[in-house]
Amino acid sequence: MNSSIIRFILGHVLKIEGLLLFLPAVVSGLYLEHEGLSFVSVAAVCLLLGFFMTRKPPQSQVFYLKEGCITTALSWILLSIFGCLPFYISGEIPSFADALFETISGFTTTGASILSDVEALSHCALFWRSFTHWIGGMGVLVFLLAVIPLSGGSHINLMRAESPGPSVGKLVPKIRYTARILYIIYFAMTLLEAILLLAGGMPLFDAVTTSFGTAGTGGFGIRNDSFMSYSPYLQWVVTIFMILFGVNFNAYYLILFGKLKKALLMEEVRTYFAIILATTGIIFFNILHTCAGIFDALSKASFQVGSIITTTGFASVDFDLWPQTSKTILVLLMFIGACAGSTGGGIKVSRFIILIKTIVKELRSYIHPKIIQKIKMDDKPVEHEVVRSTNVYFITFMIIFSLSVFLLSFEGKDLITNFTAVASAINNIGPGLEMAGPTKNFGHFSLFSKYILMFDMLAGRLELFPLLILFHPSAWKDLFTSRFSHKSDCK
């Protein structure tokens, strides 16, 4: 295993985080807040450690999927540990475990919070909470690939390990240019949303933090009622952009280069919008009698469907008070999630399409044993490896989910709370139901349960296996063997 490239990339990750930590420090200066000193001190430590880790470049910059997974998992753990320190040092979140929970929730774009009074935080802390969503939405390693000139042809493994979805491909021949295109689209859409929010009268600070939370589909709000007190116009702007950020970014690339028809014909995108329209319609009729009119019901139904299926987690209403049918639909949407290649979480629409087509294929084989058939998406055959990995992913997901619900049950809370808390964590959503509902927080969970949920958040954001590989003994054996045998690259 090429341990030197892992060390080198982790060093760059720390340097990037160190630079990014200066942004909330600038915000603290604008609002004359002393909490910004904690961000400056942690930023300095990150830059210093990053400098020493990158001082000696690796002899070989080639790495395989195993190195990509380990690098990705360790990067997100390092980001979260150092990212939580300003909260802890400043005393705004006095418990290290709670500060770590909040930060992991931010970077993984989950949006689950342990805070009961968000508005009591300083502006720099609120900015950093929302900014972690924006960083984690597209992925810090994708950003690294965009700005750091790494050589070698195997860097698709790094993007594949971090990017959400069953498969990752190049938009252009070079990975570096692919990463740049993704971030240009990401930044442009974030900026456009912020402008539209400002046009609706939202204060600048609110518009920036809201755009960060929407773009990363994270959902950290800067008000205790999330999005309930904002105007209908602002809610509709956020609704539209939540849904747009849940679309596969390959579709935006196609649109950008004049291939609108090809983008609209993407099966996953069409299914994604069909699910949104169908579920919004059902919830609209289901809650109509509880709302102040047709427009109010449509606004609330659209906002919450967009928020849950994209795993953003903003709330414009306490949907825990909705009828059982509406709440059931929202829980199901938690698992479906957004499109692959978007900033959204969940299992992903494309995986469900493949799973359903696999079931149909299996049924046909029972009826016609000699039939030869291929599973297709966008009129192209789906490779057997993709089908196999989708099945394995789903089985692994259900095992982790079931085990997590079981472990949380020892705390004595009700099943709905435990079930939806784990569902919101592993699908990177934020709010659940009952004691984990949109007007509640996760601060009442025990330390043990919080660490279980932290693991679920990281596992869900990293598509399970990059995190799970850290628990495989051979990974550490190969890592230490390569470290002490002075070999820079071994498969």
Protein backbone atom coordinates (compact mmCIF):
# COMPACT_ATOMS: atom_id res chain seq x y z
CA MET A 1 0.00 0.00 0.00
CA ASN A 2 1.23 3.50 -0.85
CA SER A 3 1.17 4.98 2.68
CA SER A 4 3.20 8.03 1.65
CA ILE A 5 0.50 9.29 -0.73
CA ILE A 6 -2.09 8.84 2.03
CA ARG A 7 0.03 10.95 4.38
CA PHE A 8 0.60 13.52 1.63
CA ILE A 9 -3.11 13.91 0.80
CA LEU A 10 -4.11 14.08 4.47
CA GLY A 11 -1.59 16.89 4.90
CA HIS A 12 -3.16 18.83 2.04
CA VAL A 13 -6.61 18.24 3.54
CA LEU A 14 -5.43 19.77 6.83
CA LYS A 15 -3.94 22.76 5.00
CA ILE A 16 -7.20 23.32 3.13
CA GLU A 17 -9.17 23.12 6.37
CA GLY A 18 -6.73 25.53 8.00
CA LEU A 19 -7.33 28.08 5.25
CA LEU A 20 -11.09 27.60 5.38
CA LEU A 21 -11.12 28.15 9.16
CA PHE A 22 -9.97 31.73 8.58
CA LEU A 23 -13.34 32.54 6.96
CA PRO A 24 -15.38 32.28 10.19
CA ALA A 25 -12.56 34.23 11.87
CA VAL A 26 -13.18 37.03 9.35
CA VAL A 27 -16.90 36.86 10.16
CA SER A 28 -16.10 37.20 13.86
CA GLY A 29 -14.06 40.31 13.06
CA LEU A 30 -17.00 41.85 11.20
CA TYR A 31 -19.29 41.24 14.17
CA LEU A 32 -16.59 42.03 16.79
CA GLU A 33 -16.80 38.58 18.40
CA HIS A 34 -13.94 37.16 20.46
CA GLU A 35 -14.89 33.57 19.53
CA GLY A 36 -12.98 34.04 16.30
CA LEU A 37 -9.70 33.55 18.18
CA SER A 38 -10.49 29.84 18.58
CA PHE A 39 -10.85 29.50 14.80
CA VAL A 40 -7.53 31.28 14.20
CA SER A 41 -5.69 29.05 16.69
CA VAL A 42 -7.07 25.82 15.22
CA ALA A 43 -6.36 27.11 11.70
CA ALA A 44 -2.73 27.67 12.67
CA VAL A 45 -2.40 24.14 14.05
CA CYS A 46 -3.94 22.66 10.88
CA LEU A 47 -1.57 24.63 8.64
CA LEU A 48 1.46 23.66 10.71
CA LEU A 49 0.60 19.95 10.74
CA GLY A 50 -0.30 20.06 7.06
CA PHE A 51 3.03 21.67 6.22
CA PHE A 52 5.03 18.93 7.97
CA MET A 53 2.92 16.17 6.37
CA THR A 54 3.39 17.55 2.85
CA ARG A 55 7.01 18.68 3.19
CA LYS A 56 8.28 15.45 1.66
CA PRO A 57 6.37 14.51 -1.52
CA PRO A 58 5.76 10.78 -2.11
CA GLN A 59 7.99 8.99 -4.58
CA SER A 60 4.91 7.57 -6.29
CA GLN A 61 1.53 9.31 -6.59
CA VAL A 62 -0.27 6.25 -7.92
CA PHE A 63 -2.82 4.65 -5.65
CA TYR A 64 -5.60 2.11 -5.93
CA LEU A 65 -9.18 1.96 -4.68
CA LYS A 66 -8.02 0.65 -1.29
CA GLU A 67 -5.81 3.67 -0.73
CA GLY A 68 -8.60 5.91 -2.03
CA CYS A 69 -11.07 4.51 0.50
CA ILE A 70 -8.66 4.75 3.44
CA THR A 71 -7.59 8.27 2.47
CA THR A 72 -11.20 9.38 2.14
CA ALA A 73 -12.31 7.92 5.49
CA LEU A 74 -9.31 9.32 7.38
CA SER A 75 -9.75 12.71 5.68
CA TRP A 76 -13.33 13.04 6.88
CA ILE A 77 -12.40 11.94 10.40
CA LEU A 78 -9.55 14.47 10.54
CA LEU A 79 -11.79 17.21 9.14
CA SER A 80 -14.40 16.52 11.80
CA ILE A 81 -11.96 16.35 14.73
CA PHE A 82 -10.18 19.59 13.88
CA GLY A 83 -13.39 21.22 12.70
CA CYS A 84 -15.07 20.69 16.06
CA LEU A 85 -12.24 22.19 18.11
CA PRO A 86 -13.30 25.86 17.69
CA PHE A 87 -16.74 25.01 19.12
CA TYR A 88 -15.11 23.23 22.05
CA ILE A 89 -12.29 25.70 22.72
CA SER A 90 -14.59 28.74 22.61
CA GLY A 91 -17.00 27.03 25.02
CA GLU A 92 -19.98 27.49 22.72
CA ILE A 93 -20.38 23.70 22.78
CA PRO A 94 -18.65 22.74 26.06
CA SER A 95 -18.79 18.96 25.49
CA PHE A 96 -16.21 17.54 23.05
CA ALA A 97 -18.57 14.71 22.04
CA ASP A 98 -21.36 17.19 21.33
CA ALA A 99 -19.00 19.45 19.37
CA LEU A 100 -17.83 16.44 17.35
CA PHE A 101 -21.44 15.34 16.74
CA GLU A 102 -22.36 18.83 15.48
CA THR A 103 -19.33 18.98 13.20
CA ILE A 104 -19.74 15.49 11.76
CA SER A 105 -23.38 16.34 11.18
CA GLY A 106 -22.21 19.45 9.35
CA PHE A 107 -19.53 17.90 7.13
CA THR A 108 -21.69 14.89 6.26
CA THR A 109 -24.53 17.32 5.41
CA THR A 110 -26.83 15.59 7.87
CA GLY A 111 -28.05 18.62 9.80
CA ALA A 112 -28.92 16.78 13.01
CA SER A 113 -28.12 19.08 15.93
CA ILE A 114 -27.55 18.68 19.67
CA LEU A 115 -28.28 22.38 20.24
CA SER A 116 -31.55 23.48 21.82
CA ASP A 117 -30.90 27.19 21.20
CA VAL A 118 -29.12 27.75 17.89
CA GLU A 119 -29.62 31.50 18.03
CA ALA A 120 -27.40 31.72 21.13
CA LEU A 121 -24.31 30.89 19.03
CA SER A 122 -21.99 33.59 17.73
CA HIS A 123 -22.14 34.61 14.07
CA CYS A 124 -18.79 32.96 13.35
CA ALA A 125 -20.00 29.66 14.85
CA LEU A 126 -23.25 29.82 12.86
CA PHE A 127 -21.26 30.58 9.71
CA TRP A 128 -18.90 27.63 10.30
CA ARG A 129 -21.81 25.24 10.97
CA SER A 130 -23.42 26.11 7.64
CA PHE A 131 -20.10 26.32 5.79
CA THR A 132 -19.27 22.74 6.79
CA HIS A 133 -22.35 21.74 4.77
CA TRP A 134 -21.01 23.50 1.70
CA ILE A 135 -17.58 21.91 2.13
CA GLY A 136 -19.01 18.43 2.65
CA GLY A 137 -21.66 18.69 -0.06
CA MET A 138 -19.32 18.33 -3.00
CA GLY A 139 -16.49 16.82 -0.96
CA VAL A 140 -13.16 18.20 0.17
CA LEU A 141 -11.22 15.62 -1.85
CA VAL A 142 -13.03 16.65 -5.03
CA PHE A 143 -11.89 20.18 -4.24
CA LEU A 144 -8.37 18.87 -3.60
CA LEU A 145 -8.32 17.20 -7.01
CA ALA A 146 -9.43 20.49 -8.56
CA VAL A 147 -6.64 22.63 -7.11
CA ILE A 148 -3.71 20.31 -6.33
CA PRO A 149 -1.72 19.02 -9.35
CA LEU A 150 -1.50 15.31 -8.58
CA SER A 151 -0.02 13.13 -11.30
CA GLY A 152 -0.93 9.57 -12.17
CA GLY A 153 -3.94 8.01 -13.85
CA SER A 154 -5.61 6.31 -10.90
CA HIS A 155 -7.09 9.35 -9.13
CA ILE A 156 -10.59 8.34 -10.21
CA ASN A 157 -10.31 6.03 -7.18
CA LEU A 158 -10.19 9.03 -4.86
CA MET A 159 -13.26 10.61 -6.44
CA ARG A 160 -15.07 7.27 -6.54
CA ALA A 161 -14.48 6.76 -2.82
CA GLU A 162 -15.95 10.15 -1.88
CA SER A 163 -18.65 10.88 -4.47
CA PRO A 164 -22.20 9.68 -3.72
CA GLY A 165 -23.78 7.08 -5.96
CA PRO A 166 -23.21 3.61 -7.39
CA SER A 167 -20.73 4.78 -10.03
CA VAL A 168 -18.57 7.78 -10.81
CA GLY A 169 -17.32 8.68 -14.24
CA LYS A 170 -15.28 11.42 -15.85
CA LEU A 171 -17.08 14.34 -17.47
CA VAL A 172 -13.88 15.16 -19.32
CA PRO A 173 -10.73 13.05 -19.91
CA LYS A 174 -8.80 14.48 -16.94
CA ILE A 175 -10.07 14.04 -13.36
CA ARG A 176 -8.69 17.45 -12.38
CA TYR A 177 -10.84 19.19 -15.00
CA THR A 178 -13.86 17.10 -14.00
CA ALA A 179 -13.46 18.26 -10.41
CA ARG A 180 -13.14 21.87 -11.54
CA ILE A 181 -16.30 21.68 -13.65
CA LEU A 182 -18.23 20.21 -10.73
CA TYR A 183 -17.11 22.97 -8.39
CA ILE A 184 -17.82 25.72 -10.93
CA ILE A 185 -21.40 24.44 -11.30
CA TYR A 186 -21.68 24.06 -7.53
CA PHE A 187 -20.41 27.58 -6.82
CA ALA A 188 -22.55 29.19 -9.54
CA MET A 189 -25.75 27.57 -8.27
CA THR A 190 -24.95 28.58 -4.68
CA LEU A 191 -24.33 32.17 -5.75
CA LEU A 192 -27.56 32.28 -7.77
CA GLU A 193 -29.59 31.07 -4.80
CA ALA A 194 -28.00 33.66 -2.51
CA ILE A 195 -28.89 36.44 -4.99
CA LEU A 196 -32.52 35.29 -5.21
CA LEU A 197 -32.77 35.11 -1.41
CA LEU A 198 -31.38 38.63 -1.10
CA ALA A 199 -33.93 39.77 -3.68
CA GLY A 200 -36.64 38.43 -1.37
CA GLY A 201 -35.48 40.59 1.51
CA MET A 202 -33.45 38.01 3.41
CA PRO A 203 -30.51 39.53 5.34
CA LEU A 204 -27.07 38.90 3.83
CA PHE A 205 -25.85 36.64 6.64
CA ASP A 206 -29.05 34.56 6.48
CA ALA A 207 -28.84 34.32 2.69
CA VAL A 208 -25.23 33.12 2.71
CA THR A 209 -25.69 30.51 5.45
CA THR A 210 -28.99 29.31 3.95
CA SER A 211 -27.37 28.94 0.53
CA PHE A 212 -24.54 26.91 2.09
CA GLY A 213 -27.06 24.63 3.79
CA THR A 214 -29.17 24.22 0.65
CA ALA A 215 -26.24 23.65 -1.71
CA GLY A 216 -24.76 20.96 0.50
CA THR A 217 -28.27 19.61 1.20
CA GLY A 218 -27.37 19.88 4.88
CA GLY A 219 -30.09 21.82 6.63
CA PHE A 220 -28.42 23.58 9.56
CA GLY A 221 -30.61 26.60 10.23
CA ILE A 222 -29.61 29.79 12.02
CA ARG A 223 -33.04 30.13 13.63
CA ASN A 224 -34.55 27.85 16.25
CA ASP A 225 -37.63 27.25 14.07
CA SER A 226 -35.48 26.29 11.05
CA PHE A 227 -37.38 27.84 8.10
CA MET A 228 -40.84 28.30 9.56
CA SER A 229 -40.64 32.08 10.09
CA TYR A 230 -39.42 32.98 6.59
CA SER A 231 -41.76 34.28 3.89
CA PRO A 232 -43.45 32.01 1.31
CA TYR A 233 -41.23 33.49 -1.43
CA LEU A 234 -38.06 32.55 0.43
CA GLN A 235 -39.44 29.09 1.16
CA TRP A 236 -40.19 28.53 -2.54
CA VAL A 237 -36.69 29.66 -3.56
CA VAL A 238 -35.17 27.17 -1.11
CA THR A 239 -37.62 24.45 -2.22
CA ILE A 240 -36.57 24.83 -5.85
CA PHE A 241 -32.86 24.89 -5.09
CA MET A 242 -33.05 21.92 -2.71
CA ILE A 243 -34.56 19.90 -5.54
CA LEU A 244 -32.04 21.22 -8.06
CA PHE A 245 -29.07 20.29 -5.86
CA GLY A 246 -30.51 16.77 -5.62
CA VAL A 247 -30.13 16.30 -9.40
CA ASN A 248 -27.17 14.39 -10.82
CA PHE A 249 -24.56 17.03 -11.69
CA ASN A 250 -23.84 15.20 -14.94
CA ALA A 251 -27.20 16.56 -16.14
CA TYR A 252 -26.01 20.13 -15.53
CA TYR A 253 -22.81 19.40 -17.42
CA LEU A 254 -24.86 18.19 -20.39
CA ILE A 255 -27.10 21.28 -20.23
CA LEU A 256 -24.06 23.54 -19.96
CA PHE A 257 -22.70 22.18 -23.23
CA GLY A 258 -26.01 22.32 -25.12
CA LYS A 259 -27.11 18.71 -24.66
CA LEU A 260 -30.48 19.53 -23.07
CA LYS A 261 -32.36 16.62 -24.66
CA LYS A 262 -29.81 14.09 -23.41
CA ALA A 263 -30.00 15.56 -19.90
CA LEU A 264 -33.80 15.40 -19.84
CA LEU A 265 -33.74 11.78 -21.01
CA MET A 266 -31.63 10.60 -18.07
CA GLU A 267 -33.77 7.91 -16.48
CA GLU A 268 -32.66 8.63 -12.94
CA VAL A 269 -33.48 12.34 -13.24
CA ARG A 270 -36.92 11.64 -14.72
CA THR A 271 -37.69 9.12 -11.96
CA TYR A 272 -36.46 11.59 -9.32
CA PHE A 273 -38.85 14.31 -10.47
CA ALA A 274 -41.70 11.79 -10.88
CA ILE A 275 -41.27 10.71 -7.24
CA ILE A 276 -41.28 14.35 -6.10
CA LEU A 277 -44.45 15.17 -8.05
CA ALA A 278 -46.29 12.04 -6.92
CA THR A 279 -45.44 12.33 -3.23
CA THR A 280 -46.09 16.07 -3.16
CA GLY A 281 -49.53 15.47 -4.64
CA ILE A 282 -50.44 12.79 -2.09
CA ILE A 283 -49.23 14.85 0.88
CA PHE A 284 -50.98 17.96 -0.50
CA PHE A 285 -54.38 16.26 -0.43
CA ASN A 286 -53.59 14.58 2.88
CA ILE A 287 -52.79 17.83 4.75
CA LEU A 288 -55.14 20.18 2.89
CA HIS A 289 -57.71 20.19 5.68
CA THR A 290 -55.04 21.22 8.22
CA CYS A 291 -53.70 24.19 6.22
CA ALA A 292 -54.83 27.75 5.57
CA GLY A 293 -55.71 27.13 1.95
CA ILE A 294 -54.54 25.46 -1.25
CA PHE A 295 -51.38 27.56 -1.68
CA ASP A 296 -50.35 27.01 1.94
CA ALA A 297 -50.80 23.24 1.63
CA LEU A 298 -48.90 23.13 -1.67
CA SER A 299 -46.05 25.22 -0.21
CA LYS A 300 -45.67 23.03 2.86
CA ALA A 301 -45.97 19.75 0.96
CA SER A 302 -43.46 20.82 -1.71
CA PHE A 303 -40.97 22.19 0.81
CA GLN A 304 -40.95 19.09 3.00
CA VAL A 305 -40.85 16.62 0.11
CA GLY A 306 -37.95 18.55 -1.43
CA SER A 307 -36.23 18.80 1.96
CA ILE A 308 -36.52 15.10 2.81
CA ILE A 309 -35.85 13.44 -0.56
CA THR A 310 -32.76 15.62 -1.06
CA THR A 311 -31.84 14.93 2.59
CA THR A 312 -31.50 18.66 3.27
CA GLY A 313 -33.54 18.61 6.45
CA PHE A 314 -34.91 22.16 6.57
CA ALA A 315 -38.39 22.36 8.10
CA SER A 316 -41.11 24.87 7.23
CA VAL A 317 -43.63 23.14 9.49
CA ASP A 318 -43.67 20.59 12.30
CA PHE A 319 -44.43 17.62 10.06
CA ASP A 320 -44.44 15.37 13.12
CA LEU A 321 -48.02 16.67 13.59
CA TRP A 322 -49.10 15.65 10.08
CA PRO A 323 -51.39 12.64 9.39
CA GLN A 324 -49.81 9.19 9.44
CA THR A 325 -49.92 8.84 5.64
CA SER A 326 -47.83 11.98 5.12
CA LYS A 327 -45.32 11.01 7.81
CA THR A 328 -45.00 7.52 6.31
CA ILE A 329 -44.25 9.00 2.88
CA LEU A 330 -41.56 11.26 4.36
CA VAL A 331 -39.90 8.31 6.12
CA LEU A 332 -39.86 6.36 2.84
CA LEU A 333 -38.34 9.36 1.06
CA MET A 334 -35.57 9.38 3.68
CA PHE A 335 -34.34 6.06 2.33
CA ILE A 336 -34.79 6.83 -1.38
CA GLY A 337 -32.74 10.01 -1.28
CA ALA A 338 -31.59 12.11 -4.22
CA CYS A 339 -29.77 11.26 -7.45
CA ALA A 340 -26.31 9.75 -7.64
CA GLY A 341 -23.69 12.38 -8.37
CA SER A 342 -25.61 15.06 -6.48
CA THR A 343 -24.96 16.56 -3.05
CA GLY A 344 -27.94 14.64 -1.62
CA GLY A 345 -27.81 11.57 0.61
CA GLY A 346 -29.94 8.46 0.98
CA ILE A 347 -29.63 5.19 -0.88
CA LYS A 348 -30.06 7.09 -4.20
CA VAL A 349 -32.74 6.91 -6.89
CA SER A 350 -30.46 5.09 -9.33
CA ARG A 351 -29.88 2.24 -6.88
CA PHE A 352 -33.62 1.77 -6.41
CA ILE A 353 -34.11 1.73 -10.18
CA ILE A 354 -31.46 -0.98 -10.49
CA LEU A 355 -32.92 -2.98 -7.58
CA ILE A 356 -36.45 -2.85 -9.04
CA LYS A 357 -35.21 -3.86 -12.48
CA THR A 358 -33.25 -6.71 -10.90
CA ILE A 359 -36.43 -7.97 -9.24
CA VAL A 360 -38.34 -7.75 -12.53
CA LYS A 361 -35.54 -9.60 -14.31
CA GLU A 362 -35.59 -12.35 -11.67
CA LEU A 363 -39.37 -12.73 -12.01
CA ARG A 364 -39.07 -13.03 -15.78
CA SER A 365 -36.41 -15.70 -15.42
CA TYR A 366 -38.88 -17.77 -13.37
CA ILE A 367 -41.47 -17.48 -16.13
CA HIS A 368 -39.01 -17.82 -19.04
CA PRO A 369 -35.96 -19.73 -17.73
CA LYS A 370 -34.12 -19.61 -21.06
CA ILE A 371 -34.56 -15.91 -21.68
CA ILE A 372 -31.41 -13.78 -21.99
CA GLN A 373 -31.94 -10.25 -20.74
CA LYS A 374 -29.89 -7.27 -19.66
CA ILE A 375 -30.74 -4.59 -17.14
CA LYS A 376 -30.62 -1.22 -18.89
CA MET A 377 -30.54 2.42 -17.82
CA ASP A 378 -30.72 5.21 -20.39
CA ASP A 379 -30.89 2.49 -23.07
CA LYS A 380 -27.44 1.24 -22.06
CA PRO A 381 -26.73 -2.14 -20.44
CA VAL A 382 -25.84 -1.93 -16.75
CA GLU A 383 -22.65 -3.83 -16.07
CA HIS A 384 -22.92 -6.88 -13.84
CA GLU A 385 -20.39 -5.33 -11.43
CA VAL A 386 -22.70 -2.33 -10.89
CA VAL A 387 -25.69 -4.61 -10.22
CA ARG A 388 -23.63 -6.72 -7.82
CA SER A 389 -22.27 -3.71 -5.95
CA THR A 390 -25.79 -2.25 -5.69
CA ASN A 391 -27.11 -5.46 -4.13
CA VAL A 392 -24.16 -5.65 -1.72
CA TYR A 393 -24.58 -1.99 -0.80
CA PHE A 394 -28.27 -2.45 -0.01
CA ILE A 395 -27.63 -5.54 2.14
CA THR A 396 -24.79 -3.80 4.01
CA PHE A 397 -26.93 -0.71 4.49
CA MET A 398 -29.76 -2.72 6.04
CA ILE A 399 -27.38 -4.60 8.34
CA ILE A 400 -25.82 -1.37 9.66
CA PHE A 401 -29.23 0.28 9.94
CA SER A 402 -30.78 -2.64 11.85
CA LEU A 403 -27.80 -2.99 14.17
CA SER A 404 -27.81 0.75 14.92
CA VAL A 405 -31.53 0.73 15.79
CA PHE A 406 -30.91 -2.25 18.04
CA LEU A 407 -28.01 -0.55 19.84
CA LEU A 408 -30.04 2.63 20.37
CA SER A 409 -32.87 0.57 21.87
CA PHE A 410 -30.80 -0.01 25.04
CA GLU A 411 -31.34 3.65 25.90
CA GLY A 412 -35.05 2.98 26.39
CA LYS A 413 -36.51 5.46 23.92
CA ASP A 414 -39.51 4.56 21.75
CA LEU A 415 -39.09 2.68 18.47
CA ILE A 416 -40.20 5.56 16.22
CA THR A 417 -37.59 7.86 17.78
CA ASN A 418 -34.79 5.30 17.42
CA PHE A 419 -35.85 4.19 13.94
CA THR A 420 -36.11 7.69 12.46
CA ALA A 421 -33.03 8.96 14.33
CA VAL A 422 -30.91 6.25 12.69
CA ALA A 423 -32.68 6.76 9.34
CA SER A 424 -31.94 10.48 9.46
CA ALA A 425 -28.31 9.87 10.45
CA ILE A 426 -27.35 7.19 7.95
CA ASN A 427 -29.28 8.93 5.15
CA ASN A 428 -27.79 12.32 6.16
CA ILE A 429 -31.15 14.04 6.62
CA GLY A 430 -31.32 15.63 10.08
CA PRO A 431 -34.85 15.58 11.54
CA GLY A 432 -36.78 12.43 12.26
CA LEU A 433 -40.00 11.91 14.21
CA GLU A 434 -41.11 11.98 17.86
CA MET A 435 -38.12 12.87 20.10
CA ALA A 436 -35.95 13.34 17.00
CA GLY A 437 -38.59 15.46 15.25
CA PRO A 438 -38.13 18.80 13.44
CA THR A 439 -38.78 20.85 16.59
CA LYS A 440 -36.53 18.66 18.76
CA ASN A 441 -32.79 17.99 18.85
CA PHE A 442 -30.39 15.08 19.46
CA GLY A 443 -28.92 16.43 22.68
CA HIS A 444 -31.00 14.09 24.85
CA PHE A 445 -29.33 10.96 23.45
CA SER A 446 -26.69 9.26 25.59
CA LEU A 447 -22.99 9.48 24.78
CA PHE A 448 -23.04 5.89 23.49
CA SER A 449 -25.99 6.60 21.17
CA LYS A 450 -24.37 9.78 19.87
CA TYR A 451 -21.24 7.88 18.81
CA ILE A 452 -23.42 5.29 17.07
CA LEU A 453 -25.20 8.08 15.20
CA MET A 454 -21.86 9.75 14.38
CA PHE A 455 -20.67 6.50 12.83
CA ASP A 456 -23.92 6.25 10.86
CA MET A 457 -23.56 9.81 9.54
CA LEU A 458 -20.01 9.17 8.32
CA ALA A 459 -20.92 5.76 6.89
CA GLY A 460 -23.91 7.18 5.04
CA ARG A 461 -21.99 10.09 3.53
CA LEU A 462 -19.06 7.91 2.46
CA GLU A 463 -21.27 5.21 0.93
CA LEU A 464 -20.46 2.71 3.73
CA PHE A 465 -17.39 0.91 2.43
CA PRO A 466 -14.67 3.61 2.65
CA LEU A 467 -15.43 3.80 6.38
CA LEU A 468 -15.90 0.07 6.90
CA ILE A 469 -12.52 -0.69 5.34
CA LEU A 470 -10.88 1.01 8.33
CA PHE A 471 -12.19 -1.86 10.48
CA HIS A 472 -10.60 -4.51 8.26
CA PRO A 473 -7.34 -5.80 9.85
CA SER A 474 -5.57 -6.31 6.54
CA ALA A 475 -5.93 -2.63 5.68
CA TRP A 476 -3.90 -1.60 8.73
CA LYS A 477 -1.48 -4.48 8.23
CA ASP A 478 -0.76 -3.34 4.67
CA LEU A 479 -0.53 0.28 5.80
CA PHE A 480 2.06 -0.37 8.51
CA THR A 481 3.93 -2.92 6.41
CA SER A 482 4.39 -0.42 3.60
CA ARG A 483 5.29 2.31 6.08
CA PHE A 484 8.12 0.43 7.70
CA SER A 485 9.40 -1.49 4.69
CA HIS A 486 10.12 1.86 2.87
CA LYS A 487 8.07 0.83 -0.13
CA SER A 488 6.17 3.72 -1.64
CA ASP A 489 3.66 1.78 -3.70
CA CYS A 490 2.19 -1.67 -3.37
CA LYS A 491 -1.21 -2.86 -4.38
